[in-house]
Protein backbone atom coordinates (compact mmCIF):
# COMPACT_ATOMS: atom_id res chain seq x y z
CA MET A 1 0.00 0.00 0.00
CA LEU A 2 1.11 3.60 -0.50
CA ILE A 3 1.19 4.20 3.25
CA ARG A 4 4.32 3.04 4.97
CA ASN A 5 3.15 3.07 8.57
CA ILE A 6 0.32 0.57 8.11
CA GLU A 7 1.93 -2.79 8.69
CA ARG A 8 -0.82 -5.01 7.27
CA VAL A 9 -3.62 -4.01 4.89
CA LEU A 10 -6.87 -5.94 5.26
CA VAL A 11 -9.49 -5.79 2.51
CA PHE A 12 -13.25 -6.27 2.77
CA ARG A 13 -15.71 -6.62 -0.09
CA GLU A 14 -19.42 -7.41 -0.02
CA VAL A 15 -21.82 -7.40 -2.96
CA SER A 16 -25.56 -8.07 -2.62
CA GLY A 17 -25.06 -9.70 0.76
CA HIS A 18 -22.20 -11.92 -0.39
CA VAL A 19 -19.01 -11.41 1.62
CA PHE A 20 -15.96 -12.16 -0.50
CA THR A 21 -13.47 -14.66 0.82
CA LEU A 22 -9.79 -13.79 0.67
CA GLU A 23 -9.44 -16.23 -2.21
CA GLU A 24 -12.18 -14.44 -4.18
CA ILE A 25 -10.59 -11.04 -3.54
CA GLU A 26 -7.21 -12.27 -4.76
CA ARG A 27 -8.83 -13.96 -7.77
CA ASP A 28 -10.84 -10.96 -8.92
CA TYR A 29 -8.52 -8.06 -8.06
CA PRO A 30 -4.78 -7.49 -8.51
CA ILE A 31 -4.05 -7.37 -4.78
CA ALA A 32 -2.93 -9.76 -2.05
CA PRO A 33 -4.49 -8.61 1.24
CA ALA A 34 -3.07 -9.53 4.63
CA GLY A 35 -6.52 -10.55 5.81
CA THR A 36 -10.20 -9.72 5.82
CA LEU A 37 -13.20 -9.34 8.11
CA ILE A 38 -16.82 -10.35 8.51
CA TYR A 39 -19.65 -9.02 10.66
CA TYR A 40 -21.44 -10.93 13.42
CA GLY A 41 -24.83 -9.68 14.52
CA PHE A 42 -25.17 -10.70 18.16
CA GLY A 43 -28.90 -11.17 18.16
CA GLU A 44 -31.73 -13.65 17.94
CA THR A 45 -30.79 -15.09 14.52
CA ASN A 46 -27.26 -16.15 15.45
CA VAL A 47 -28.25 -17.14 19.00
CA ARG A 48 -30.96 -19.41 17.58
CA HIS A 49 -28.40 -20.84 15.15
CA TYR A 50 -26.19 -21.74 18.09
CA ARG A 51 -29.06 -23.37 20.00
CA GLU A 52 -30.01 -25.46 16.96
CA THR A 53 -26.56 -26.43 15.67
CA GLY A 54 -24.10 -26.02 18.55
CA SER A 55 -22.03 -23.64 16.41
CA ALA A 56 -21.93 -19.93 17.28
CA LEU A 57 -20.43 -19.04 13.89
CA ASN A 58 -22.81 -19.47 10.99
CA ALA A 59 -22.00 -20.83 7.54
CA ASP A 60 -20.88 -17.44 6.19
CA HIS A 61 -18.51 -16.83 9.10
CA ARG A 62 -17.02 -20.31 8.77
CA LEU A 63 -16.64 -19.97 5.00
CA VAL A 64 -14.58 -16.77 5.31
CA ALA A 65 -12.48 -18.07 8.21
CA GLU A 66 -11.79 -21.48 6.70
CA ASN A 67 -10.97 -19.99 3.31
CA LEU A 68 -8.55 -17.64 5.02
CA LEU A 69 -6.83 -20.65 6.59
CA ARG A 70 -6.61 -22.35 3.19
CA THR A 71 -5.16 -19.20 1.67
CA LEU A 72 -2.63 -19.01 4.49
CA ARG A 73 -1.65 -22.64 4.00
CA ALA A 74 -1.00 -22.07 0.29
CA SER A 75 0.80 -18.77 0.86
CA ASP A 76 4.46 -18.01 1.44
CA GLU A 77 3.36 -15.66 4.21
CA ASP A 78 3.62 -16.64 7.85
CA GLU A 79 0.41 -15.00 9.02
CA LYS A 80 -2.98 -13.64 8.04
CA THR A 81 -5.46 -11.57 10.01
CA PHE A 82 -9.13 -12.34 10.56
CA GLN A 83 -11.35 -9.67 12.09
CA LEU A 84 -14.77 -10.55 13.49
CA VAL A 85 -16.92 -7.47 14.06
CA VAL A 86 -19.41 -8.34 16.82
CA GLY A 87 -22.31 -5.94 17.19
CA PRO A 88 -25.34 -6.45 19.48
CA THR A 89 -28.57 -6.09 17.52
CA GLU A 90 -31.44 -6.56 19.97
CA LYS A 91 -33.30 -4.07 22.14
CA LYS A 92 -31.51 -3.57 25.46
CA PRO A 93 -28.42 -4.79 23.62
CA TYR A 94 -25.95 -5.07 26.48
CA GLU A 95 -28.46 -6.86 28.68
CA TYR A 96 -29.04 -9.26 25.81
CA VAL A 97 -25.30 -9.97 25.53
CA ALA A 98 -25.07 -10.58 29.30
CA ALA A 99 -27.98 -13.03 29.15
CA HIS A 100 -26.38 -14.99 26.29
CA MET A 101 -22.77 -15.05 27.35
CA ASP A 102 -22.65 -18.78 26.58
CA VAL A 103 -22.89 -17.84 22.89
CA MET A 104 -20.02 -15.38 23.27
CA ARG A 105 -18.05 -18.14 24.98
CA GLN A 106 -18.66 -20.47 22.04
CA ILE A 107 -17.51 -17.80 19.58
CA ALA A 108 -14.26 -17.64 21.55
CA VAL A 109 -13.86 -21.41 21.51
CA GLU A 110 -14.40 -21.66 17.75
CA LEU A 111 -11.98 -18.83 16.99
CA ASP A 112 -9.37 -20.45 19.21
CA VAL A 113 -9.71 -23.65 17.17
CA TYR A 114 -8.92 -21.72 13.98
CA GLN A 115 -5.84 -20.20 15.58
CA THR A 116 -4.71 -23.63 16.78
CA GLN A 117 -5.12 -25.03 13.28
CA ALA A 118 -2.90 -22.26 11.91
CA LEU A 119 -0.23 -23.02 14.50
CA ALA A 120 -0.37 -26.70 13.54
CA MET A 121 0.70 -25.74 10.02
CA GLY A 122 3.53 -23.62 11.40
CA LYS A 123 1.75 -20.32 10.76
CA ARG A 124 -0.22 -17.69 12.65
CA LEU A 125 -3.81 -16.56 12.35
CA ILE A 126 -4.17 -13.20 14.05
CA VAL A 127 -7.78 -12.90 15.23
CA VAL A 128 -9.23 -9.51 16.13
CA VAL A 129 -12.67 -9.28 17.74
CA ARG A 130 -14.07 -5.78 17.34
CA TYR A 131 -16.87 -5.61 19.91
CA ALA A 132 -19.55 -2.90 19.79
CA SER A 133 -17.50 -0.74 17.44
CA GLU A 134 -18.61 2.85 16.78
CA MET A 135 -20.28 2.83 20.16
CA ASN A 136 -20.16 6.62 20.25
CA HIS A 137 -22.45 7.10 17.21
CA LYS A 138 -25.93 6.66 18.64
CA GLU A 139 -27.59 7.32 15.28
CA SER A 140 -25.83 4.28 13.76
CA TRP A 141 -26.38 1.30 16.05
CA VAL A 142 -28.89 0.17 18.66
CA TYR A 143 -26.08 -0.30 21.20
CA ALA A 144 -24.48 3.10 20.62
CA GLY A 145 -24.79 6.20 22.78
CA ASP A 146 -24.66 4.43 26.15
CA PRO A 147 -21.16 4.79 27.64
CA ARG A 148 -22.06 3.39 31.06
CA SER A 149 -23.44 0.13 29.65
CA PHE A 150 -20.62 -0.18 27.12
CA LYS A 151 -17.98 0.21 29.81
CA ALA A 152 -19.68 -2.46 31.90
CA SER A 153 -20.11 -4.91 29.01
CA PHE A 154 -16.72 -4.61 27.30
CA PRO A 155 -14.65 -6.05 30.21
CA GLU A 156 -17.11 -8.92 30.68
CA VAL A 157 -16.89 -9.93 27.03
CA ARG A 158 -13.12 -9.46 27.08
CA ARG A 159 -12.78 -11.78 30.08
CA VAL A 160 -14.67 -14.55 28.27
CA PHE A 161 -12.18 -14.39 25.40
CA ALA A 162 -9.20 -14.13 27.73
CA GLU A 163 -10.30 -17.42 29.29
CA HIS A 164 -11.29 -19.35 26.16
CA ALA A 165 -9.28 -17.69 23.36
CA PRO A 166 -6.32 -15.94 25.01
CA ARG A 167 -4.61 -15.11 21.69
CA VAL A 168 -7.57 -13.08 20.38
CA LEU A 169 -7.01 -9.32 20.33
CA PHE A 170 -9.61 -6.71 21.33
CA PRO A 171 -9.46 -3.16 19.95
CA PHE A 172 -11.19 -0.14 21.40
CA SER A 173 -12.84 1.11 18.22
CA PRO A 174 -14.93 4.28 18.26
CA GLY A 175 -16.11 6.01 15.12
CA LEU A 176 -14.01 9.01 14.07
CA ARG A 177 -16.11 11.53 12.17
CA ALA A 178 -16.21 15.29 11.88
CA ASP A 179 -18.63 15.40 14.84
CA SER A 180 -16.70 12.92 17.03
CA ARG A 181 -15.37 14.91 19.95
CA TYR A 182 -12.38 13.55 21.84
CA ASP A 183 -13.93 14.20 25.26
CA GLU A 184 -17.08 12.34 24.23
CA ILE A 185 -15.09 9.32 23.02
CA ALA A 186 -13.22 9.31 26.33
CA LYS A 187 -16.47 8.57 28.15
CA TYR A 188 -16.45 5.10 26.55
CA TRP A 189 -12.87 4.13 27.46
CA PRO A 190 -13.14 0.81 29.38
CA GLY A 191 -9.63 0.84 30.84
CA ALA A 192 -6.25 -0.12 29.45
CA GLU A 193 -6.29 -3.53 31.12
CA HIS A 194 -9.17 -4.60 28.87
CA VAL A 195 -7.86 -3.24 25.54
CA ASP A 196 -5.16 -4.69 23.28
CA ILE A 197 -5.27 -2.18 20.41
CA ILE A 198 -6.21 1.49 20.07
CA GLY A 199 -8.36 1.32 16.96
CA ALA A 200 -11.08 3.33 15.24
CA THR A 201 -13.19 3.49 12.14
CA TRP A 202 -12.48 6.67 10.20
CA TYR A 203 -14.75 8.12 7.54
CA VAL A 204 -14.89 11.61 6.07
CA HIS A 205 -18.33 12.31 4.65
CA GLY A 206 -17.50 14.97 2.12
CA GLU A 207 -15.46 18.10 1.55
CA THR A 208 -17.36 20.15 4.14
CA GLN A 209 -16.25 17.64 6.81
CA ARG A 210 -12.70 17.24 5.61
CA ALA A 211 -10.80 19.68 7.86
CA GLN A 212 -12.54 18.66 11.08
CA GLY A 213 -12.49 14.97 10.16
CA LEU A 214 -8.72 15.05 9.67
CA ALA A 215 -8.21 17.05 12.85
CA ASN A 216 -10.26 14.61 14.95
CA MET A 217 -8.27 11.66 13.64
CA ARG A 218 -4.97 13.37 14.51
CA GLU A 219 -6.11 14.25 18.02
CA TYR A 220 -7.29 10.71 18.73
CA PHE A 221 -4.06 8.96 17.70
CA LEU A 222 -1.65 11.64 18.95
CA HIS A 223 -3.26 11.67 22.41
CA PRO A 224 -4.10 7.98 22.95
CA PHE A 225 -5.91 6.81 26.05
CA ALA A 226 -3.17 4.19 26.55
CA PRO A 227 0.13 5.30 24.95
CA ASP A 228 1.77 1.87 25.26
CA LYS A 229 -0.84 0.11 23.09
CA PRO A 230 -0.45 -0.52 19.34
CA PHE A 231 -2.67 1.38 16.91
CA ALA A 232 -4.93 0.20 14.10
CA VAL A 233 -7.44 1.68 11.65
CA ASP A 234 -10.33 -0.78 11.74
CA GLU A 235 -12.02 0.79 8.70
CA PHE A 236 -11.24 3.90 6.74
CA GLY A 237 -12.36 5.85 3.72
CA GLY A 238 -14.74 8.49 2.55
CA ALA A 239 -18.39 7.82 2.02
CA GLU A 240 -19.81 8.87 -1.32
CA GLY A 241 -23.57 8.94 -1.06
CA TYR A 242 -23.50 9.73 2.66
CA GLY A 243 -24.01 13.15 4.15
CA SER A 244 -26.55 15.89 4.55
CA GLY A 245 -27.26 16.35 0.86
CA GLU A 246 -25.80 19.84 0.97
CA PRO A 247 -23.13 20.81 -1.58
CA GLY A 248 -19.82 19.34 -0.55
CA SER A 249 -21.37 16.79 1.83
CA VAL A 250 -20.13 13.93 -0.35
CA TYR A 251 -17.01 13.50 -2.41
CA GLU A 252 -17.28 13.52 -6.16
CA ASN A 253 -13.53 13.04 -6.58
CA ASN A 254 -12.84 9.81 -4.73
CA ASP A 255 -9.17 9.75 -5.72
CA ALA A 256 -8.57 13.12 -4.07
CA MET A 257 -10.45 12.08 -0.94
CA LEU A 258 -8.55 8.83 -0.49
CA GLU A 259 -5.25 10.50 -1.27
CA SER A 260 -5.73 13.17 1.38
CA MET A 261 -6.76 10.63 4.02
CA LEU A 262 -3.91 8.23 3.27
CA HIS A 263 -1.38 11.05 3.29
CA GLU A 264 -2.76 12.24 6.62
CA LEU A 265 -2.32 8.77 8.11
CA GLU A 266 1.18 8.49 6.70
CA ALA A 267 2.14 11.91 8.09
CA LEU A 268 1.61 10.50 11.58
CA GLN A 269 4.74 8.42 11.02
CA LEU A 270 6.69 11.63 11.69
CA ARG A 271 5.09 11.60 15.16
CA ASN A 272 6.03 7.94 15.73
CA VAL A 273 2.51 6.68 15.05
CA SER A 274 2.28 3.42 13.12
CA PHE A 275 -0.60 1.01 12.67
CA LYS A 276 -0.60 -2.77 13.11
CA TYR A 277 -3.30 -3.07 10.44
CA GLY A 278 -5.70 -0.99 8.40
CA THR A 279 -8.90 -2.25 6.79
CA ILE A 280 -10.07 -0.72 3.54
CA PHE A 281 -13.33 -1.55 1.80
CA LEU A 282 -13.62 -2.38 -1.89
CA ASP A 283 -17.01 -0.71 -1.98
CA ASP A 284 -18.80 0.65 -5.04
CA GLY A 285 -21.12 2.85 -3.01
CA LYS A 286 -18.73 4.43 -0.52
CA TYR A 287 -15.65 5.55 -2.40
CA GLY A 288 -15.30 3.39 -5.45
CA VAL A 289 -13.46 0.19 -6.29
CA ASP A 290 -11.29 1.77 -8.98
CA ALA A 291 -10.15 4.64 -6.76
CA THR A 292 -9.31 2.23 -3.95
CA LEU A 293 -7.32 -0.14 -6.16
CA ARG A 294 -5.14 2.72 -7.36
CA PHE A 295 -3.99 3.27 -3.78
CA LEU A 296 -3.26 -0.41 -3.26
CA SER A 297 -0.80 -0.42 -6.17
CA PRO A 298 2.30 -1.65 -4.29
CA GLN A 299 0.38 -4.85 -3.60
CA ARG A 300 -0.47 -5.28 -7.25
CA ARG A 301 0.44 -8.47 -9.01
CA ALA A 302 -0.40 -10.00 -12.37
CA ARG A 303 -4.12 -10.50 -12.55
CA ARG A 304 -5.03 -14.16 -12.69
CA SER A 305 -7.72 -15.41 -14.98
CA PRO A 306 -10.94 -16.04 -13.02
CA HIS A 307 -11.33 -19.28 -14.95
CA ARG A 308 -8.15 -20.85 -13.61
């Protein structure tokens, strides 16, 4: 990638509900990502799936994770990264999580099995569980906007994984936007002892939000809540089609938007800020597949025929 202080670039792509496996991404695009992610709605559908099958991960989760292991086995690389984004979806979301902690425990057990399988082949599967991400954006998620409940729930979920999947990493991952104030994000901080990575999702929704969006990102990473923790960008990009509808609320020039954001991240290297991973979306609706691929050029390789 064109940004030197992101150690590993993860790529996510979803089209019409289909989440691309790492193998599909590498087959269809001239890039070789260091990993990928998938979302896990912690709600009635997946809880019922666990009750009926004994598996907390559904078929889509297992497909992405198992394909990632196959890709790792066939690769010259020593490790890949798998990020599971766990978001409560029911009313009274944190109470629902507390009442179904056996499901969370089973998620941990199944992820630990994948990591053990990678070790058995002499490689590493880095697993990141991003729990209740963007918890500071109450307009986005049913669980968001409740710092007291988040701070009570996060350590409980973290302890389950520490017991049953001790190699899994947990980021603190608020949403960084133009309206994301540092002092408001601080209200959600659960304590350094429960956090492995200082992460965030970072989106700039248009030219009118650019200056403040960049400034908020700088403040967050230059004044971390736990300076000894590694950093990561859990998602980043602009969001074409998002915004108020006013002129300048969305980017028309996606290349310029991505370039300014990537350069801003890279400039933090001068302040000794580097990122363990960054996740970028190959998304037609947010900031464009073509624009994104241009900024992944150092990972380019000869495109393989999809028929091989």
